[in-house]
Every structure is written in structure tokens, then in C-alpha cells.
Protein backbone atom coordinates (compact mmCIF):
# COMPACT_ATOMS: atom_id res chain seq x y z
CA MET A 1 -23.55 -105.73 -2.09
CA PHE A 2 -24.12 -108.20 0.68
CA THR A 3 -20.90 -107.31 2.45
CA ARG A 4 -21.96 -103.69 2.61
CA LEU A 5 -25.37 -104.74 3.95
CA ILE A 6 -23.71 -106.86 6.62
CA GLU A 7 -21.51 -103.91 7.62
CA ILE A 8 -24.52 -101.64 7.91
CA CYS A 9 -26.60 -104.15 9.93
CA THR A 10 -23.93 -105.19 12.39
CA PRO A 11 -22.81 -102.81 15.12
CA ARG A 12 -19.62 -101.06 14.25
CA ARG A 13 -16.61 -101.96 16.25
CA ASP A 14 -14.14 -99.16 16.72
CA LEU A 15 -10.47 -99.78 16.26
CA ASP A 16 -9.80 -98.04 19.57
CA TYR A 17 -12.17 -100.32 21.46
CA GLU A 18 -9.34 -102.05 23.31
CA ARG A 19 -7.92 -98.72 24.40
CA GLN A 20 -11.29 -97.48 25.63
CA PHE A 21 -11.76 -100.46 27.92
CA VAL A 22 -11.46 -99.53 31.61
CA ARG A 23 -8.30 -101.05 32.98
CA GLU A 24 -8.01 -99.34 36.34
CA VAL A 25 -10.10 -97.06 38.55
CA LYS A 26 -8.41 -94.79 41.09
CA ILE A 27 -10.42 -92.98 43.71
CA LYS A 28 -8.73 -90.02 45.23
CA ARG A 29 -9.98 -88.50 48.41
CA PRO A 30 -9.86 -84.75 48.63
CA ASN A 31 -7.03 -83.62 50.85
CA GLN A 32 -8.33 -82.52 54.19
CA PRO A 33 -6.42 -80.01 56.20
CA ARG A 34 -4.17 -81.87 58.62
CA HIS A 35 -3.87 -78.93 61.04
CA LYS A 36 -7.18 -79.84 62.69
CA SER A 37 -6.28 -83.46 63.27
CA LEU A 38 -2.73 -82.53 64.28
CA GLY A 39 -4.12 -80.07 66.85
CA PHE A 40 -6.52 -82.70 68.16
CA VAL A 41 -3.76 -85.30 68.58
CA THR A 42 -1.42 -82.75 70.16
CA GLY A 43 -4.09 -81.80 72.67
CA ALA A 44 -4.75 -85.45 73.46
CA TRP A 45 -1.05 -86.08 74.04
CA ILE A 46 -0.86 -83.07 76.37
CA ILE A 47 -3.72 -84.54 78.40
CA VAL A 48 -2.03 -87.95 78.46
CA GLY A 49 1.23 -86.33 79.59
CA LEU A 50 -0.54 -84.39 82.35
CA LYS A 51 -2.28 -87.56 83.52
CA CYS A 52 1.00 -89.50 83.66
CA TRP A 53 2.71 -86.63 85.52
CA ALA A 54 -0.22 -86.47 88.02
CA VAL A 55 -0.10 -90.23 88.58
CA ILE A 56 3.65 -90.19 89.28
CA LYS A 57 3.32 -87.21 91.67
CA LEU A 58 0.27 -88.58 93.52
CA ILE A 59 1.72 -92.05 93.96
CA GLY A 60 4.87 -90.47 95.43
CA TYR A 61 2.91 -88.01 97.61
CA TYR A 62 0.54 -90.59 99.13
CA GLN A 63 3.28 -93.22 99.28
CA ILE A 64 1.26 -95.90 97.50
CA PRO A 65 3.30 -99.09 97.24
CA VAL A 66 2.86 -99.35 93.48
CA ASN A 67 5.37 -98.54 90.79
CA PRO A 68 3.91 -95.62 88.76
CA LEU A 69 5.14 -97.28 85.56
CA TRP A 70 2.41 -99.91 85.97
CA VAL A 71 -0.09 -97.13 85.29
CA THR A 72 1.78 -94.85 82.92
CA LEU A 73 3.33 -97.37 80.54
CA PRO A 74 0.01 -98.94 79.40
CA THR A 75 -1.41 -95.44 79.06
CA LEU A 76 1.47 -94.35 76.83
CA PHE A 77 1.39 -97.57 74.82
CA PHE A 78 -2.32 -97.35 74.01
CA ALA A 79 -2.15 -93.61 73.36
CA GLY A 80 0.68 -94.28 70.88
CA LEU A 81 -1.28 -97.11 69.30
CA CYS A 82 -4.36 -94.92 68.92
CA THR A 83 -2.25 -92.15 67.38
CA VAL A 84 -0.68 -94.49 64.85
CA LEU A 85 -4.04 -95.97 63.89
CA TYR A 86 -5.59 -92.49 63.66
CA PHE A 87 -2.98 -91.21 61.24
CA TRP A 88 -2.83 -94.49 59.35
CA GLY A 89 -6.57 -94.36 58.71
CA GLU A 90 -6.39 -90.75 57.66
């Protein structure tokens, strides 16, 4: 009689309690269309390419005593770094 009373008074513990415990939470972002970001990055690279081409042509035309790679290589490096970080964060 007392054992049944104890069972009624105490909260019932399910046998599946261990399986119901949250072990892992995964958050999935909805997939965004990549064509917008790919178009943006492609346009940016076209602008970077035109800038590098213009620098090389203008330095040669005005005969500036500077190697055009001093201007274009840092531009290409940082544009590549920004592209990698942009797609890595996406």
C-alpha cells in the first residue's frame, strides 16, 4: 500500500528519459542563392582588373619611374583576400 502511494506521489520517470535528453543542437542556415554573391564578386574582380590594366597603361604612357607591380600586386593580393574571406563567411 505504501509503495503504491510513494509511486503516485513521486514524479514519474520515463524509461526513455535518457534518450529524450538533448545531446546536440544543429542550426542550419537557409541556403541563399549564390548567383547574387557570385555576380557581385565577378563585377568587383572586373573592376579590379580594369584598374590594374589602367595603372599599367598609364605608368607606361606617362613614363613614371615606378614598376607597375608595386601598385597592382597589393591590389590583387587584398582583392583575393577579401574574396576568400567573403566566401568563407558565407
